[in-house]
Amino acid sequence: MFATAEASAMVRDLRSRLGADAVALVRRDGQLLAADLAKGGYAETFAVLAATLLGAASAATREAGGGLPDRVLFEGPDARGVVVRCGSTALLAVLLPVGGPAPDERAEIERFVQALAPTV
């Protein structure tokens, strides 16, 4: 059973541990399940765009004859991020600042996904 309050607490904790600008747990259709954005902004918009990003990457890889991606990485001058499949119906979107020492982001994200995947 998916517990929204528990997921929200986990999302806040992950953002804190990673020093992320934003973390969101999102259904693949773009519905926001839980989010924590450091600089404000619209969590619902972040969620929809993250789902769109993963969907577009999936369509592109299918079109080119590849399999479905498990994660999509992106990087710009001020931020970098990852969108990761989380269970059968959800995804995790993480936006990180560029520069500075980075914790073991991939391991932290994988632990989060493994903890929530059976429930979403």
PDB file of N, CA and C in Angstrom:
ATOM      1  N   MET A   1       0.840  -1.184   0.000  1.00  0.00           N
ATOM      2  CA  MET A   1       0.000   0.000   0.000  1.00  0.00           C
ATOM      3  C   MET A   1       0.883   1.245   0.000  1.00  0.00           C
ATOM      4  N   PHE A   2       0.611   2.181  -0.879  1.00  0.00           N
ATOM      5  CA  PHE A   2       1.392   3.396  -1.000  1.00  0.00           C
ATOM      6  C   PHE A   2       0.952   4.407   0.043  1.00  0.00           C
ATOM      7  N   ALA A   3       1.867   4.861   0.874  1.00  0.00           N
ATOM      8  CA  ALA A   3       1.568   5.842   1.919  1.00  0.00           C
ATOM      9  C   ALA A   3       2.163   7.185   1.512  1.00  0.00           C
ATOM     10  N   THR A   4       1.317   8.144   1.184  1.00  0.00           N
ATOM     11  CA  THR A   4       1.765   9.440   0.690  1.00  0.00           C
ATOM     12  C   THR A   4       2.612  10.183   1.718  1.00  0.00           C
ATOM     13  N   ALA A   5       2.222  10.160   2.975  1.00  0.00           N
ATOM     14  CA  ALA A   5       2.989  10.870   4.006  1.00  0.00           C
ATOM     15  C   ALA A   5       4.395  10.286   4.131  1.00  0.00           C
ATOM     16  N   GLU A   6       4.498   8.977   4.083  1.00  0.00           N
ATOM     17  CA  GLU A   6       5.815   8.327   4.163  1.00  0.00           C
ATOM     18  C   GLU A   6       6.653   8.665   2.934  1.00  0.00           C
ATOM     19  N   ALA A   7       6.041   8.639   1.755  1.00  0.00           N
ATOM     20  CA  ALA A   7       6.765   8.976   0.526  1.00  0.00           C
ATOM     21  C   ALA A   7       7.229  10.423   0.562  1.00  0.00           C
ATOM     22  N   SER A   8       6.393  11.323   1.044  1.00  0.00           N
ATOM     23  CA  SER A   8       6.780  12.732   1.145  1.00  0.00           C
ATOM     24  C   SER A   8       7.983  12.906   2.056  1.00  0.00           C
ATOM     25  N   ALA A   9       7.987  12.215   3.174  1.00  0.00           N
ATOM     26  CA  ALA A   9       9.126  12.281   4.096  1.00  0.00           C
ATOM     27  C   ALA A   9      10.385  11.717   3.438  1.00  0.00           C
ATOM     28  N   MET A  10      10.243  10.636   2.701  1.00  0.00           N
ATOM     29  CA  MET A  10      11.390  10.036   2.007  1.00  0.00           C
ATOM     30  C   MET A  10      11.934  10.974   0.931  1.00  0.00           C
ATOM     31  N   VAL A  11      11.047  11.654   0.222  1.00  0.00           N
ATOM     32  CA  VAL A  11      11.461  12.606  -0.814  1.00  0.00           C
ATOM     33  C   VAL A  11      12.226  13.770  -0.183  1.00  0.00           C
ATOM     34  N   ARG A  12      11.715  14.328   0.909  1.00  0.00           N
ATOM     35  CA  ARG A  12      12.414  15.421   1.606  1.00  0.00           C
ATOM     36  C   ARG A  12      13.789  14.966   2.082  1.00  0.00           C
ATOM     37  N   ASP A  13      13.854  13.758   2.639  1.00  0.00           N
ATOM     38  CA  ASP A  13      15.122  13.219   3.132  1.00  0.00           C
ATOM     39  C   ASP A  13      16.119  13.024   1.988  1.00  0.00           C
ATOM     40  N   LEU A  14      15.661  12.503   0.862  1.00  0.00           N
ATOM     41  CA  LEU A  14      16.547  12.292  -0.278  1.00  0.00           C
ATOM     42  C   LEU A  14      17.077  13.633  -0.793  1.00  0.00           C
ATOM     43  N   ARG A  15      16.211  14.635  -0.908  1.00  0.00           N
ATOM     44  CA  ARG A  15      16.664  15.952  -1.366  1.00  0.00           C
ATOM     45  C   ARG A  15      17.736  16.514  -0.443  1.00  0.00           C
ATOM     46  N   SER A  16      17.530  16.339   0.849  1.00  0.00           N
ATOM     47  CA  SER A  16      18.504  16.819   1.828  1.00  0.00           C
ATOM     48  C   SER A  16      19.833  16.075   1.702  1.00  0.00           C
ATOM     49  N   ARG A  17      19.789  14.760   1.617  1.00  0.00           N
ATOM     50  CA  ARG A  17      21.019  13.958   1.528  1.00  0.00           C
ATOM     51  C   ARG A  17      21.808  14.259   0.260  1.00  0.00           C
ATOM     52  N   LEU A  18      21.105  14.515  -0.846  1.00  0.00           N
ATOM     53  CA  LEU A  18      21.778  14.778  -2.116  1.00  0.00           C
ATOM     54  C   LEU A  18      22.158  16.247  -2.297  1.00  0.00           C
ATOM     55  N   GLY A  19      21.586  17.130  -1.494  1.00  0.00           N
ATOM     56  CA  GLY A  19      21.782  18.555  -1.731  1.00  0.00           C
ATOM     57  C   GLY A  19      21.108  18.977  -3.028  1.00  0.00           C
ATOM     58  N   ALA A  20      20.023  18.301  -3.370  1.00  0.00           N
ATOM     59  CA  ALA A  20      19.322  18.524  -4.635  1.00  0.00           C
ATOM     60  C   ALA A  20      18.485  19.793  -4.588  1.00  0.00           C
ATOM     61  N   ASP A  21      18.247  20.358  -5.757  1.00  0.00           N
ATOM     62  CA  ASP A  21      17.346  21.496  -5.885  1.00  0.00           C
ATOM     63  C   ASP A  21      15.894  21.043  -5.887  1.00  0.00           C
ATOM     64  N   ALA A  22      15.649  19.840  -6.398  1.00  0.00           N
ATOM     65  CA  ALA A  22      14.275  19.330  -6.470  1.00  0.00           C
ATOM     66  C   ALA A  22      14.296  17.806  -6.553  1.00  0.00           C
ATOM     67  N   VAL A  23      13.313  17.205  -5.903  1.00  0.00           N
ATOM     68  CA  VAL A  23      13.082  15.767  -5.993  1.00  0.00           C
ATOM     69  C   VAL A  23      11.575  15.564  -6.069  1.00  0.00           C
ATOM     70  N   ALA A  24      11.141  14.717  -6.988  1.00  0.00           N
ATOM     71  CA  ALA A  24       9.708  14.437  -7.108  1.00  0.00           C
ATOM     72  C   ALA A  24       9.482  12.964  -7.418  1.00  0.00           C
ATOM     73  N   LEU A  25       8.481  12.411  -6.786  1.00  0.00           N
ATOM     74  CA  LEU A  25       7.989  11.077  -7.095  1.00  0.00           C
ATOM     75  C   LEU A  25       6.707  11.294  -7.892  1.00  0.00           C
ATOM     76  N   VAL A  26       6.649  10.696  -9.073  1.00  0.00           N
ATOM     77  CA  VAL A  26       5.618  11.027 -10.052  1.00  0.00           C
ATOM     78  C   VAL A  26       5.070   9.753 -10.680  1.00  0.00           C
ATOM     79  N   ARG A  27       3.764   9.710 -10.911  1.00  0.00           N
ATOM     80  CA  ARG A  27       3.216   8.623 -11.716  1.00  0.00           C
ATOM     81  C   ARG A  27       3.653   8.841 -13.155  1.00  0.00           C
ATOM     82  N   ARG A  28       3.732   7.780 -13.912  1.00  0.00           N
ATOM     83  CA  ARG A  28       4.201   7.904 -15.297  1.00  0.00           C
ATOM     84  C   ARG A  28       3.280   8.753 -16.160  1.00  0.00           C
ATOM     85  N   ASP A  29       2.040   8.942 -15.724  1.00  0.00           N
ATOM     86  CA  ASP A  29       1.133   9.816 -16.481  1.00  0.00           C
ATOM     87  C   ASP A  29       1.325  11.285 -16.102  1.00  0.00           C
ATOM     88  N   GLY A  30       2.273  11.577 -15.199  1.00  0.00           N
ATOM     89  CA  GLY A  30       2.586  12.943 -14.812  1.00  0.00           C
ATOM     90  C   GLY A  30       1.951  13.409 -13.519  1.00  0.00           C
ATOM     91  N   GLN A  31       1.120  12.583 -12.894  1.00  0.00           N
ATOM     92  CA  GLN A  31       0.488  12.973 -11.632  1.00  0.00           C
ATOM     93  C   GLN A  31       1.524  13.004 -10.522  1.00  0.00           C
ATOM     94  N   LEU A  32       1.584  14.105  -9.821  1.00  0.00           N
ATOM     95  CA  LEU A  32       2.516  14.281  -8.721  1.00  0.00           C
ATOM     96  C   LEU A  32       2.081  13.444  -7.521  1.00  0.00           C
ATOM     97  N   LEU A  33       3.013  12.658  -6.975  1.00  0.00           N
ATOM     98  CA  LEU A  33       2.747  11.879  -5.767  1.00  0.00           C
ATOM     99  C   LEU A  33       3.373  12.539  -4.538  1.00  0.00           C
ATOM    100  N   ALA A  34       4.602  13.027  -4.676  1.00  0.00           N
ATOM    101  CA  ALA A  34       5.298  13.708  -3.576  1.00  0.00           C
ATOM    102  C   ALA A  34       6.436  14.512  -4.181  1.00  0.00           C
ATOM    103  N   ALA A  35       6.720  15.684  -3.603  1.00  0.00           N
ATOM    104  CA  ALA A  35       7.811  16.509  -4.125  1.00  0.00           C
ATOM    105  C   ALA A  35       8.369  17.417  -3.047  1.00  0.00           C
ATOM    106  N   ASP A  36       9.617  17.810  -3.253  1.00  0.00           N
ATOM    107  CA  ASP A  36      10.267  18.803  -2.411  1.00  0.00           C
ATOM    108  C   ASP A  36      11.164  19.628  -3.324  1.00  0.00           C
ATOM    109  N   LEU A  37      10.806  20.880  -3.532  1.00  0.00           N
ATOM    110  CA  LEU A  37      11.563  21.789  -4.387  1.00  0.00           C
ATOM    111  C   LEU A  37      12.170  22.873  -3.512  1.00  0.00           C
ATOM    112  N   ALA A  38      13.483  23.012  -3.538  1.00  0.00           N
ATOM    113  CA  ALA A  38      14.189  23.950  -2.664  1.00  0.00           C
ATOM    114  C   ALA A  38      13.889  25.400  -3.000  1.00  0.00           C
ATOM    115  N   LYS A  39      13.736  25.717  -4.264  1.00  0.00           N
ATOM    116  CA  LYS A  39      13.601  27.113  -4.680  1.00  0.00           C
ATOM    117  C   LYS A  39      12.173  27.470  -5.049  1.00  0.00           C
ATOM    118  N   GLY A  40      11.229  26.752  -4.504  1.00  0.00           N
ATOM    119  CA  GLY A  40       9.846  27.028  -4.860  1.00  0.00           C
ATOM    120  C   GLY A  40       9.538  26.457  -6.224  1.00  0.00           C
ATOM    121  N   GLY A  41       8.810  27.177  -7.009  1.00  0.00           N
ATOM    122  CA  GLY A  41       8.435  26.670  -8.320  1.00  0.00           C
ATOM    123  C   GLY A  41       7.173  25.839  -8.207  1.00  0.00           C
ATOM    124  N   TYR A  42       6.780  25.259  -9.297  1.00  0.00           N
ATOM    125  CA  TYR A  42       5.549  24.487  -9.351  1.00  0.00           C
ATOM    126  C   TYR A  42       5.877  23.001  -9.431  1.00  0.00           C
ATOM    127  N   ALA A  43       5.614  22.290  -8.356  1.00  0.00           N
ATOM    128  CA  ALA A  43       5.919  20.860  -8.299  1.00  0.00           C
ATOM    129  C   ALA A  43       5.143  20.095  -9.359  1.00  0.00           C
ATOM    130  N   GLU A  44       3.906  20.501  -9.625  1.00  0.00           N
ATOM    131  CA  GLU A  44       3.088  19.801 -10.621  1.00  0.00           C
ATOM    132  C   GLU A  44       3.696  19.931 -12.011  1.00  0.00           C
ATOM    133  N   THR A  45       4.212  21.112 -12.337  1.00  0.00           N
ATOM    134  CA  THR A  45       4.849  21.316 -13.638  1.00  0.00           C
ATOM    135  C   THR A  45       6.119  20.486 -13.739  1.00  0.00           C
ATOM    136  N   PHE A  46       6.933  20.492 -12.697  1.00  0.00           N
ATOM    137  CA  PHE A  46       8.156  19.680 -12.656  1.00  0.00           C
ATOM    138  C   PHE A  46       7.802  18.216 -12.871  1.00  0.00           C
ATOM    139  N   ALA A  47       6.741  17.743 -12.229  1.00  0.00           N
ATOM    140  CA  ALA A  47       6.325  16.340 -12.340  1.00  0.00           C
ATOM    141  C   ALA A  47       5.915  15.994 -13.765  1.00  0.00           C
ATOM    142  N   VAL A  48       5.074  16.819 -14.366  1.00  0.00           N
ATOM    143  CA  VAL A  48       4.598  16.552 -15.730  1.00  0.00           C
ATOM    144  C   VAL A  48       5.762  16.554 -16.712  1.00  0.00           C
ATOM    145  N   LEU A  49       6.668  17.499 -16.579  1.00  0.00           N
ATOM    146  CA  LEU A  49       7.792  17.581 -17.502  1.00  0.00           C
ATOM    147  C   LEU A  49       8.757  16.408 -17.321  1.00  0.00           C
ATOM    148  N   ALA A  50       8.944  15.941 -16.091  1.00  0.00           N
ATOM    149  CA  ALA A  50       9.787  14.768 -15.866  1.00  0.00           C
ATOM    150  C   ALA A  50       9.179  13.534 -16.529  1.00  0.00           C
ATOM    151  N   ALA A  51       7.868  13.362 -16.394  1.00  0.00           N
ATOM    152  CA  ALA A  51       7.194  12.232 -17.037  1.00  0.00           C
ATOM    153  C   ALA A  51       7.295  12.341 -18.550  1.00  0.00           C
ATOM    154  N   THR A  52       7.178  13.547 -19.071  1.00  0.00           N
ATOM    155  CA  THR A  52       7.307  13.772 -20.508  1.00  0.00           C
ATOM    156  C   THR A  52       8.711  13.426 -20.991  1.00  0.00           C
ATOM    157  N   LEU A  53       9.720  13.809 -20.211  1.00  0.00           N
ATOM    158  CA  LEU A  53      11.112  13.517 -20.564  1.00  0.00           C
ATOM    159  C   LEU A  53      11.352  12.016 -20.667  1.00  0.00           C
ATOM    160  N   LEU A  54      10.900  11.267 -19.673  1.00  0.00           N
ATOM    161  CA  LEU A  54      11.077   9.815 -19.708  1.00  0.00           C
ATOM    162  C   LEU A  54      10.270   9.198 -20.850  1.00  0.00           C
ATOM    163  N   GLY A  55       9.073   9.699 -21.073  1.00  0.00           N
ATOM    164  CA  GLY A  55       8.252   9.198 -22.176  1.00  0.00           C
ATOM    165  C   GLY A  55       8.889   9.457 -23.529  1.00  0.00           C
ATOM    166  N   ALA A  56       9.443  10.647 -23.720  1.00  0.00           N
ATOM    167  CA  ALA A  56      10.101  10.983 -24.982  1.00  0.00           C
ATOM    168  C   ALA A  56      11.343  10.112 -25.196  1.00  0.00           C
ATOM    169  N   ALA A  57      12.112   9.898 -24.149  1.00  0.00           N
ATOM    170  CA  ALA A  57      13.295   9.039 -24.264  1.00  0.00           C
ATOM    171  C   ALA A  57      12.891   7.610 -24.609  1.00  0.00           C
ATOM    172  N   SER A  58      11.810   7.140 -24.010  1.00  0.00           N
ATOM    173  CA  SER A  58      11.319   5.792 -24.309  1.00  0.00           C
ATOM    174  C   SER A  58      10.895   5.681 -25.767  1.00  0.00           C
ATOM    175  N   ALA A  59      10.181   6.684 -26.262  1.00  0.00           N
ATOM    176  CA  ALA A  59       9.743   6.681 -27.665  1.00  0.00           C
ATOM    177  C   ALA A  59      10.944   6.722 -28.607  1.00  0.00           C
ATOM    178  N   ALA A  60      11.925   7.539 -28.284  1.00  0.00           N
ATOM    179  CA  ALA A  60      13.105   7.659 -29.138  1.00  0.00           C
ATOM    180  C   ALA A  60      13.893   6.355 -29.194  1.00  0.00           C
ATOM    181  N   THR A  61      14.080   5.712 -28.057  1.00  0.00           N
ATOM    182  CA  THR A  61      14.844   4.459 -28.071  1.00  0.00           C
ATOM    183  C   THR A  61      14.068   3.349 -28.768  1.00  0.00           C
ATOM    184  N   ARG A  62      12.750   3.309 -28.591  1.00  0.00           N
ATOM    185  CA  ARG A  62      11.938   2.316 -29.309  1.00  0.00           C
ATOM    186  C   ARG A  62      12.033   2.539 -30.811  1.00  0.00           C
ATOM    187  N   GLU A  63      11.963   3.786 -31.220  1.00  0.00           N
ATOM    188  CA  GLU A  63      12.022   4.124 -32.650  1.00  0.00           C
ATOM    189  C   GLU A  63      13.353   3.694 -33.259  1.00  0.00           C
ATOM    190  N   ALA A  64      14.406   3.772 -32.471  1.00  0.00           N
ATOM    191  CA  ALA A  64      15.737   3.399 -32.952  1.00  0.00           C
ATOM    192  C   ALA A  64      16.033   1.915 -32.743  1.00  0.00           C
ATOM    193  N   GLY A  65      15.047   1.169 -32.245  1.00  0.00           N
ATOM    194  CA  GLY A  65      15.219  -0.271 -32.076  1.00  0.00           C
ATOM    195  C   GLY A  65      15.816  -0.684 -30.747  1.00  0.00           C
ATOM    196  N   GLY A  66      15.912   0.241 -29.804  1.00  0.00           N
ATOM    197  CA  GLY A  66      16.467  -0.084 -28.495  1.00  0.00           C
ATOM    198  C   GLY A  66      15.382  -0.426 -27.499  1.00  0.00           C
ATOM    199  N   GLY A  67      15.782  -0.822 -26.330  1.00  0.00           N
ATOM    200  CA  GLY A  67      14.841  -1.126 -25.256  1.00  0.00           C
ATOM    201  C   GLY A  67      14.469   0.127 -24.487  1.00  0.00           C
ATOM    202  N   LEU A  68      13.586  -0.032 -23.542  1.00  0.00           N
ATOM    203  CA  LEU A  68      13.156   1.102 -22.725  1.00  0.00           C
ATOM    204  C   LEU A  68      14.271   1.534 -21.780  1.00  0.00           C
ATOM    205  N   PRO A  69      14.519   2.843 -21.677  1.00  0.00           N
ATOM    206  CA  PRO A  69      15.555   3.312 -20.752  1.00  0.00           C
ATOM    207  C   PRO A  69      15.080   3.205 -19.301  1.00  0.00           C
ATOM    208  N   ASP A  70      16.010   2.881 -18.422  1.00  0.00           N
ATOM    209  CA  ASP A  70      15.717   2.862 -16.989  1.00  0.00           C
ATOM    210  C   ASP A  70      15.887   4.244 -16.384  1.00  0.00           C
ATOM    211  N   ARG A  71      16.713   5.063 -17.036  1.00  0.00           N
ATOM    212  CA  ARG A  71      16.990   6.406 -16.532  1.00  0.00           C
ATOM    213  C   ARG A  71      17.327   7.331 -17.683  1.00  0.00           C
ATOM    214  N   VAL A  72      17.045   8.610 -17.481  1.00  0.00           N
ATOM    215  CA  VAL A  72      17.400   9.644 -18.441  1.00  0.00           C
ATOM    216  C   VAL A  72      18.223  10.682 -17.686  1.00  0.00           C
ATOM    217  N   LEU A  73      19.378  11.026 -18.217  1.00  0.00           N
ATOM    218  CA  LEU A  73      20.256  12.018 -17.607  1.00  0.00           C
ATOM    219  C   LEU A  73      20.241  13.279 -18.458  1.00  0.00           C
ATOM    220  N   PHE A  74      20.309  14.441 -17.808  1.00  0.00           N
ATOM    221  CA  PHE A  74      20.417  15.698 -18.541  1.00  0.00           C
ATOM    222  C   PHE A  74      21.307  16.648 -17.758  1.00  0.00           C
ATOM    223  N   GLU A  75      21.942  17.577 -18.490  1.00  0.00           N
ATOM    224  CA  GLU A  75      22.873  18.498 -17.854  1.00  0.00           C
ATOM    225  C   GLU A  75      22.877  19.828 -18.582  1.00  0.00           C
ATOM    226  N   GLY A  76      22.948  20.898 -17.812  1.00  0.00           N
ATOM    227  CA  GLY A  76      23.037  22.245 -18.350  1.00  0.00           C
ATOM    228  C   GLY A  76      24.071  23.026 -17.570  1.00  0.00           C
ATOM    229  N   PRO A  77      24.192  24.324 -17.856  1.00  0.00           N
ATOM    230  CA  PRO A  77      25.219  25.112 -17.174  1.00  0.00           C
ATOM    231  C   PRO A  77      24.954  25.303 -15.680  1.00  0.00           C
ATOM    232  N   ASP A  78      23.689  25.233 -15.250  1.00  0.00           N
ATOM    233  CA  ASP A  78      23.362  25.499 -13.852  1.00  0.00           C
ATOM    234  C   ASP A  78      22.786  24.310 -13.097  1.00  0.00           C
ATOM    235  N   ALA A  79      22.407  23.272 -13.821  1.00  0.00           N
ATOM    236  CA  ALA A  79      21.766  22.131 -13.165  1.00  0.00           C
ATOM    237  C   ALA A  79      21.975  20.871 -13.991  1.00  0.00           C
ATOM    238  N   ARG A  80      21.834  19.760 -13.306  1.00  0.00           N
ATOM    239  CA  ARG A  80      21.880  18.452 -13.962  1.00  0.00           C
ATOM    240  C   ARG A  80      20.831  17.601 -13.293  1.00  0.00           C
ATOM    241  N   GLY A  81      20.398  16.590 -13.973  1.00  0.00           N
ATOM    242  CA  GLY A  81      19.339  15.805 -13.371  1.00  0.00           C
ATOM    243  C   GLY A  81      19.234  14.410 -13.921  1.00  0.00           C
ATOM    244  N   VAL A  82      18.349  13.667 -13.286  1.00  0.00           N
ATOM    245  CA  VAL A  82      18.083  12.288 -13.677  1.00  0.00           C
ATOM    246  C   VAL A  82      16.609  12.012 -13.439  1.00  0.00           C
ATOM    247  N   VAL A  83      16.022  11.255 -14.353  1.00  0.00           N
ATOM    248  CA  VAL A  83      14.669  10.741 -14.194  1.00  0.00           C
ATOM    249  C   VAL A  83      14.805   9.227 -14.262  1.00  0.00           C
ATOM    250  N   VAL A  84      14.332   8.537 -13.216  1.00  0.00           N
ATOM    251  CA  VAL A  84      14.528   7.101 -13.071  1.00  0.00           C
ATOM    252  C   VAL A  84      13.182   6.405 -12.909  1.00  0.00           C
ATOM    253  N   ARG A  85      13.019   5.285 -13.576  1.00  0.00           N
ATOM    254  CA  ARG A  85      11.821   4.476 -13.366  1.00  0.00           C
ATOM    255  C   ARG A  85      11.797   3.999 -11.909  1.00  0.00           C
ATOM    256  N   CYS A  86      10.612   4.030 -11.312  1.00  0.00           N
ATOM    257  CA  CYS A  86      10.453   3.620  -9.906  1.00  0.00           C
ATOM    258  C   CYS A  86       9.216   2.737  -9.825  1.00  0.00           C
ATOM    259  N   GLY A  87       9.407   1.442  -9.791  1.00  0.00           N
ATOM    260  CA  GLY A  87       8.282   0.530  -9.775  1.00  0.00           C
ATOM    261  C   GLY A  87       7.618   0.458 -11.138  1.00  0.00           C
ATOM    262  N   SER A  88       6.434  -0.117 -11.177  1.00  0.00           N
ATOM    263  CA  SER A  88       5.765  -0.319 -12.458  1.00  0.00           C
ATOM    264  C   SER A  88       4.953   0.887 -12.920  1.00  0.00           C
ATOM    265  N   THR A  89       4.684   1.839 -12.028  1.00  0.00           N
ATOM    266  CA  THR A  89       3.813   2.954 -12.409  1.00  0.00           C
ATOM    267  C   THR A  89       4.363   4.334 -12.090  1.00  0.00           C
ATOM    268  N   ALA A  90       5.582   4.425 -11.606  1.00  0.00           N
ATOM    269  CA  ALA A  90       6.083   5.721 -11.152  1.00  0.00           C
ATOM    270  C   ALA A  90       7.490   5.996 -11.664  1.00  0.00           C
ATOM    271  N   LEU A  91       7.948   7.218 -11.405  1.00  0.00           N
ATOM    272  CA  LEU A  91       9.307   7.618 -11.712  1.00  0.00           C
ATOM    273  C   LEU A  91       9.772   8.586 -10.633  1.00  0.00           C
ATOM    274  N   LEU A  92      11.075   8.706 -10.526  1.00  0.00           N
ATOM    275  CA  LEU A  92      11.694   9.636  -9.595  1.00  0.00           C
ATOM    276  C   LEU A  92      12.472  10.650 -10.414  1.00  0.00           C
ATOM    277  N   ALA A  93      12.242  11.934 -10.164  1.00  0.00           N
ATOM    278  CA  ALA A  93      12.965  13.007 -10.849  1.00  0.00           C
ATOM    279  C   ALA A  93      13.804  13.758  -9.826  1.00  0.00           C
ATOM    280  N   VAL A  94      15.083  13.945 -10.154  1.00  0.00           N
ATOM    281  CA  VAL A  94      16.010  14.628  -9.250  1.00  0.00           C
ATOM    282  C   VAL A  94      16.751  15.697 -10.040  1.00  0.00           C
ATOM    283  N   LEU A  95      16.742  16.919  -9.522  1.00  0.00           N
ATOM    284  CA  LEU A  95      17.465  18.037 -10.123  1.00  0.00           C
ATOM    285  C   LEU A  95      18.568  18.455  -9.157  1.00  0.00           C
ATOM    286  N   LEU A  96      19.804  18.436  -9.636  1.00  0.00           N
ATOM    287  CA  LEU A  96      20.976  18.695  -8.800  1.00  0.00           C
ATOM    288  C   LEU A  96      21.732  19.917  -9.298  1.00  0.00           C
ATOM    289  N   PRO A  97      22.366  20.664  -8.392  1.00  0.00           N
ATOM    290  CA  PRO A  97      23.186  21.791  -8.839  1.00  0.00           C
ATOM    291  C   PRO A  97      24.470  21.279  -9.495  1.00  0.00           C
ATOM    292  N   VAL A  98      25.012  22.089 -10.386  1.00  0.00           N
ATOM    293  CA  VAL A  98      26.281  21.744 -11.019  1.00  0.00           C
ATOM    294  C   VAL A  98      27.409  22.227 -10.122  1.00  0.00           C
ATOM    295  N   GLY A  99      28.442  21.418 -10.004  1.00  0.00           N
ATOM    296  CA  GLY A  99      29.617  21.796  -9.231  1.00  0.00           C
ATOM    297  C   GLY A  99      29.510  21.371  -7.786  1.00  0.00           C
ATOM    298  N   GLY A 100      30.611  21.511  -7.109  1.00  0.00           N
ATOM    299  CA  GLY A 100      30.651  21.118  -5.705  1.00  0.00           C
ATOM    300  C   GLY A 100      30.814  19.624  -5.554  1.00  0.00           C
ATOM    301  N   PRO A 101      31.168  19.207  -4.366  1.00  0.00           N
ATOM    302  CA  PRO A 101      31.332  17.775  -4.146  1.00  0.00           C
ATOM    303  C   PRO A 101      29.978  17.066  -4.205  1.00  0.00           C
ATOM    304  N   ALA A 102      29.935  15.969  -4.901  1.00  0.00           N
ATOM    305  CA  ALA A 102      28.688  15.209  -5.044  1.00  0.00           C
ATOM    306  C   ALA A 102      28.766  13.932  -4.214  1.00  0.00           C
ATOM    307  N   PRO A 103      27.727  13.668  -3.434  1.00  0.00           N
ATOM    308  CA  PRO A 103      27.698  12.394  -2.718  1.00  0.00           C
ATOM    309  C   PRO A 103      27.489  11.279  -3.738  1.00  0.00           C
ATOM    310  N   ASP A 104      27.452  10.072  -3.289  1.00  0.00           N
ATOM    311  CA  ASP A 104      27.226   8.943  -4.189  1.00  0.00           C
ATOM    312  C   ASP A 104      25.770   8.961  -4.629  1.00  0.00           C
ATOM    313  N   GLU A 105      25.485   9.851  -5.564  1.00  0.00           N
ATOM    314  CA  GLU A 105      24.106  10.102  -5.996  1.00  0.00           C
ATOM    315  C   GLU A 105      23.421   8.859  -6.535  1.00  0.00           C
ATOM    316  N   ARG A 106      24.113   8.144  -7.380  1.00  0.00           N
ATOM    317  CA  ARG A 106      23.487   6.977  -8.008  1.00  0.00           C
ATOM    318  C   ARG A 106      23.064   5.950  -6.958  1.00  0.00           C
ATOM    319  N   ALA A 107      23.911   5.695  -5.975  1.00  0.00           N
ATOM    320  CA  ALA A 107      23.582   4.734  -4.916  1.00  0.00           C
ATOM    321  C   ALA A 107      22.419   5.234  -4.063  1.00  0.00           C
ATOM    322  N   GLU A 108      22.413   6.522  -3.736  1.00  0.00           N
ATOM    323  CA  GLU A 108      21.319   7.098  -2.945  1.00  0.00           C
ATOM    324  C   GLU A 108      19.990   6.974  -3.696  1.00  0.00           C
ATOM    325  N   ILE A 109      20.018   7.302  -4.980  1.00  0.00           N
ATOM    326  CA  ILE A 109      18.804   7.227  -5.798  1.00  0.00           C
ATOM    327  C   ILE A 109      18.346   5.786  -5.926  1.00  0.00           C
ATOM    328  N   GLU A 110      19.267   4.880  -6.132  1.00  0.00           N
ATOM    329  CA  GLU A 110      18.917   3.459  -6.267  1.00  0.00           C
ATOM    330  C   GLU A 110      18.302   2.922  -4.972  1.00  0.00           C
ATOM    331  N   ARG A 111      18.827   3.321  -3.826  1.00  0.00           N
ATOM    332  CA  ARG A 111      18.243   2.894  -2.547  1.00  0.00           C
ATOM    333  C   ARG A 111      16.798   3.387  -2.412  1.00  0.00           C
ATOM    334  N   PHE A 112      16.569   4.626  -2.809  1.00  0.00           N
ATOM    335  CA  PHE A 112      15.221   5.187  -2.759  1.00  0.00           C
ATOM    336  C   PHE A 112      14.276   4.393  -3.656  1.00  0.00           C
ATOM    337  N   VAL A 113      14.697   4.162  -4.880  1.00  0.00           N
ATOM    338  CA  VAL A 113      13.873   3.430  -5.846  1.00  0.00           C
ATOM    339  C   VAL A 113      13.581   2.028  -5.326  1.00  0.00           C
ATOM    340  N   GLN A 114      14.580   1.349  -4.805  1.00  0.00           N
ATOM    341  CA  GLN A 114      14.363  -0.012  -4.291  1.00  0.00           C
ATOM    342  C   GLN A 114      13.396  -0.018  -3.104  1.00  0.00           C
ATOM    343  N   ALA A 115      13.462   1.010  -2.281  1.00  0.00           N
ATOM    344  CA  ALA A 115      12.563   1.082  -1.122  1.00  0.00           C
ATOM    345  C   ALA A 115      11.115   1.336  -1.533  1.00  0.00           C
ATOM    346  N   LEU A 116      10.908   2.150  -2.568  1.00  0.00           N
ATOM    347  CA  LEU A 116       9.541   2.516  -2.957  1.00  0.00           C
ATOM    348  C   LEU A 116       8.972   1.695  -4.111  1.00  0.00           C
ATOM    349  N   ALA A 117       9.816   1.076  -4.908  1.00  0.00           N
ATOM    350  CA  ALA A 117       9.351   0.365  -6.105  1.00  0.00           C
ATOM    351  C   ALA A 117       8.230  -0.641  -5.828  1.00  0.00           C
ATOM    352  N   PRO A 118       8.291  -1.419  -4.759  1.00  0.00           N
ATOM    353  CA  PRO A 118       7.206  -2.386  -4.540  1.00  0.00           C
ATOM    354  C   PRO A 118       5.860  -1.747  -4.213  1.00  0.00           C
ATOM    355  N   THR A 119       5.859  -0.466  -3.842  1.00  0.00           N
ATOM    356  CA  THR A 119       4.607   0.165  -3.401  1.00  0.00           C
ATOM    357  C   THR A 119       3.986   1.079  -4.435  1.00  0.00           C
ATOM    358  N   VAL A 120       4.711   1.401  -5.500  1.00  0.00           N
ATOM    359  CA  VAL A 120       4.172   2.303  -6.526  1.00  0.00           C
ATOM    360  C   VAL A 120       4.084   1.639  -7.871  1.00  0.00           C
TER     361      VAL A 120
END
